Amino acid sequence: MSNMRLTQRIPDKDHLRREVEANINARNAKAALVNWHFTSQDARRKLARLYPRSST
C-alpha cells in the first residue's frame, strides 16, 4: 500500500488516510537522525530578528 505513486488516483478519504499512515510508519521505521548543531554565529545570522544587537 505504501508504494502508491502520486500519479494514481486515491479513491476515497479512508484509502488516503491508510496511505498517509503507511508512509508515516515507513518513515518512522527508518529512524533517521538529524544533526541540529550549528554555531552561535550561524544562529545569530539566520535568526537575526530574534537576536537584537546590543549597543555595548
N, C-alpha and C. Protein backbone atom coordinates (compact mmCIF):
# COMPACT_ATOMS: atom_id res chain seq x y z
N MET A 1 0.81 -1.20 0.00
CA MET A 1 0.00 0.00 0.00
C MET A 1 0.86 1.26 0.00
N SER A 2 2.02 1.25 0.65
CA SER A 2 2.84 2.45 0.72
C SER A 2 3.63 2.72 -0.55
N ASN A 3 3.48 1.84 -1.58
CA ASN A 3 4.17 2.05 -2.84
C ASN A 3 3.36 2.85 -3.84
N MET A 4 2.25 3.41 -3.42
CA MET A 4 1.39 4.15 -4.32
C MET A 4 2.12 5.38 -4.86
N ARG A 5 1.97 5.61 -6.13
CA ARG A 5 2.58 6.75 -6.79
C ARG A 5 1.61 7.93 -6.77
N LEU A 6 2.16 9.13 -6.87
CA LEU A 6 1.30 10.32 -6.88
C LEU A 6 0.48 10.43 -8.16
N THR A 7 0.84 9.67 -9.18
CA THR A 7 0.10 9.73 -10.45
C THR A 7 -1.19 8.91 -10.39
N GLN A 8 -1.35 8.09 -9.34
CA GLN A 8 -2.56 7.29 -9.21
C GLN A 8 -3.63 8.05 -8.44
N ARG A 9 -4.85 7.83 -8.82
CA ARG A 9 -5.97 8.46 -8.12
C ARG A 9 -6.26 7.68 -6.84
N ILE A 10 -6.48 8.41 -5.75
CA ILE A 10 -6.85 7.80 -4.48
C ILE A 10 -8.37 7.86 -4.41
N PRO A 11 -9.01 6.70 -4.32
CA PRO A 11 -10.46 6.64 -4.49
C PRO A 11 -11.30 7.30 -3.39
N ASP A 12 -10.82 7.29 -2.14
CA ASP A 12 -11.65 7.86 -1.08
C ASP A 12 -10.79 8.29 0.11
N LYS A 13 -11.44 8.96 1.02
CA LYS A 13 -10.75 9.53 2.18
C LYS A 13 -10.10 8.45 3.06
N ASP A 14 -10.79 7.33 3.25
CA ASP A 14 -10.24 6.26 4.08
C ASP A 14 -8.98 5.66 3.45
N HIS A 15 -8.99 5.50 2.14
CA HIS A 15 -7.82 4.98 1.44
C HIS A 15 -6.65 5.97 1.58
N LEU A 16 -6.93 7.24 1.43
CA LEU A 16 -5.90 8.28 1.60
C LEU A 16 -5.32 8.22 3.00
N ARG A 17 -6.18 8.10 4.00
CA ARG A 17 -5.73 8.04 5.39
C ARG A 17 -4.79 6.84 5.60
N ARG A 18 -5.16 5.68 5.03
CA ARG A 18 -4.32 4.49 5.17
C ARG A 18 -2.98 4.68 4.46
N GLU A 19 -2.99 5.32 3.30
CA GLU A 19 -1.74 5.58 2.57
C GLU A 19 -0.82 6.50 3.37
N VAL A 20 -1.39 7.55 3.92
CA VAL A 20 -0.59 8.50 4.71
C VAL A 20 -0.02 7.81 5.94
N GLU A 21 -0.84 7.04 6.64
CA GLU A 21 -0.36 6.33 7.82
C GLU A 21 0.75 5.34 7.47
N ALA A 22 0.62 4.65 6.34
CA ALA A 22 1.65 3.70 5.91
C ALA A 22 2.95 4.42 5.61
N ASN A 23 2.87 5.58 4.96
CA ASN A 23 4.08 6.35 4.66
C ASN A 23 4.72 6.89 5.93
N ILE A 24 3.91 7.35 6.87
CA ILE A 24 4.45 7.84 8.14
C ILE A 24 5.14 6.71 8.89
N ASN A 25 4.50 5.54 8.94
CA ASN A 25 5.10 4.41 9.64
C ASN A 25 6.40 3.97 8.99
N ALA A 26 6.45 3.96 7.66
CA ALA A 26 7.68 3.58 6.96
C ALA A 26 8.79 4.59 7.24
N ARG A 27 8.46 5.87 7.23
CA ARG A 27 9.46 6.90 7.50
C ARG A 27 9.96 6.79 8.94
N ASN A 28 9.07 6.59 9.88
CA ASN A 28 9.46 6.47 11.28
C ASN A 28 10.28 5.22 11.54
N ALA A 29 10.01 4.14 10.80
CA ALA A 29 10.75 2.90 10.98
C ALA A 29 12.21 3.06 10.60
N LYS A 30 12.49 3.98 9.70
CA LYS A 30 13.88 4.23 9.29
C LYS A 30 14.68 4.89 10.41
N ALA A 31 14.01 5.59 11.31
CA ALA A 31 14.63 6.26 12.46
C ALA A 31 15.85 7.09 12.05
N ALA A 32 15.67 7.89 11.03
CA ALA A 32 16.76 8.75 10.55
C ALA A 32 17.07 9.82 11.59
N LEU A 33 18.35 10.06 11.79
CA LEU A 33 18.79 11.07 12.75
C LEU A 33 19.03 12.39 12.04
N VAL A 34 18.82 13.46 12.75
CA VAL A 34 19.04 14.79 12.21
C VAL A 34 20.08 15.48 13.07
N ASN A 35 21.06 16.08 12.44
CA ASN A 35 22.10 16.81 13.16
C ASN A 35 21.70 18.28 13.20
N TRP A 36 21.25 18.74 14.36
CA TRP A 36 20.75 20.09 14.51
C TRP A 36 21.81 21.05 15.03
N HIS A 37 23.06 20.66 15.03
CA HIS A 37 24.11 21.50 15.59
C HIS A 37 24.48 22.63 14.63
N PHE A 38 24.60 23.81 15.16
CA PHE A 38 25.12 24.94 14.41
C PHE A 38 25.74 25.91 15.40
N THR A 39 26.58 26.78 14.89
CA THR A 39 27.31 27.69 15.78
C THR A 39 26.43 28.85 16.21
N SER A 40 26.86 29.52 17.27
CA SER A 40 26.13 30.71 17.73
C SER A 40 26.12 31.78 16.66
N GLN A 41 27.23 31.91 15.95
CA GLN A 41 27.32 32.90 14.89
C GLN A 41 26.31 32.58 13.77
N ASP A 42 26.19 31.31 13.40
CA ASP A 42 25.21 30.91 12.40
C ASP A 42 23.79 31.22 12.89
N ALA A 43 23.54 30.95 14.16
CA ALA A 43 22.21 31.22 14.73
C ALA A 43 21.91 32.71 14.69
N ARG A 44 22.87 33.52 15.05
CA ARG A 44 22.65 34.98 15.03
C ARG A 44 22.39 35.48 13.62
N ARG A 45 23.08 34.90 12.64
CA ARG A 45 22.91 35.31 11.26
C ARG A 45 21.53 34.88 10.74
N LYS A 46 21.17 33.64 10.98
CA LYS A 46 19.90 33.12 10.46
C LYS A 46 18.69 33.62 11.23
N LEU A 47 18.88 33.89 12.52
CA LEU A 47 17.77 34.30 13.37
C LEU A 47 17.97 35.73 13.88
N ALA A 48 18.45 36.59 13.02
CA ALA A 48 18.81 37.96 13.40
C ALA A 48 17.68 38.69 14.09
N ARG A 49 16.47 38.46 13.67
CA ARG A 49 15.34 39.17 14.28
C ARG A 49 15.12 38.74 15.74
N LEU A 50 15.62 37.58 16.12
CA LEU A 50 15.47 37.08 17.49
C LEU A 50 16.67 37.44 18.38
N TYR A 51 17.74 37.92 17.75
CA TYR A 51 18.95 38.30 18.47
C TYR A 51 19.22 39.79 18.27
N PRO A 52 18.55 40.64 19.06
CA PRO A 52 18.76 42.08 18.85
C PRO A 52 20.21 42.47 19.16
N ARG A 53 20.69 43.44 18.43
CA ARG A 53 22.05 43.95 18.63
C ARG A 53 22.12 44.74 19.92
N SER A 54 23.18 44.50 20.69
CA SER A 54 23.38 45.32 21.88
C SER A 54 24.29 46.48 21.53
N SER A 55 24.12 47.57 22.23
CA SER A 55 24.88 48.80 21.92
C SER A 55 26.08 48.94 22.86
N THR A 56 26.73 47.85 23.21
CA THR A 56 27.90 47.93 24.10
C THR A 56 29.18 47.92 23.35
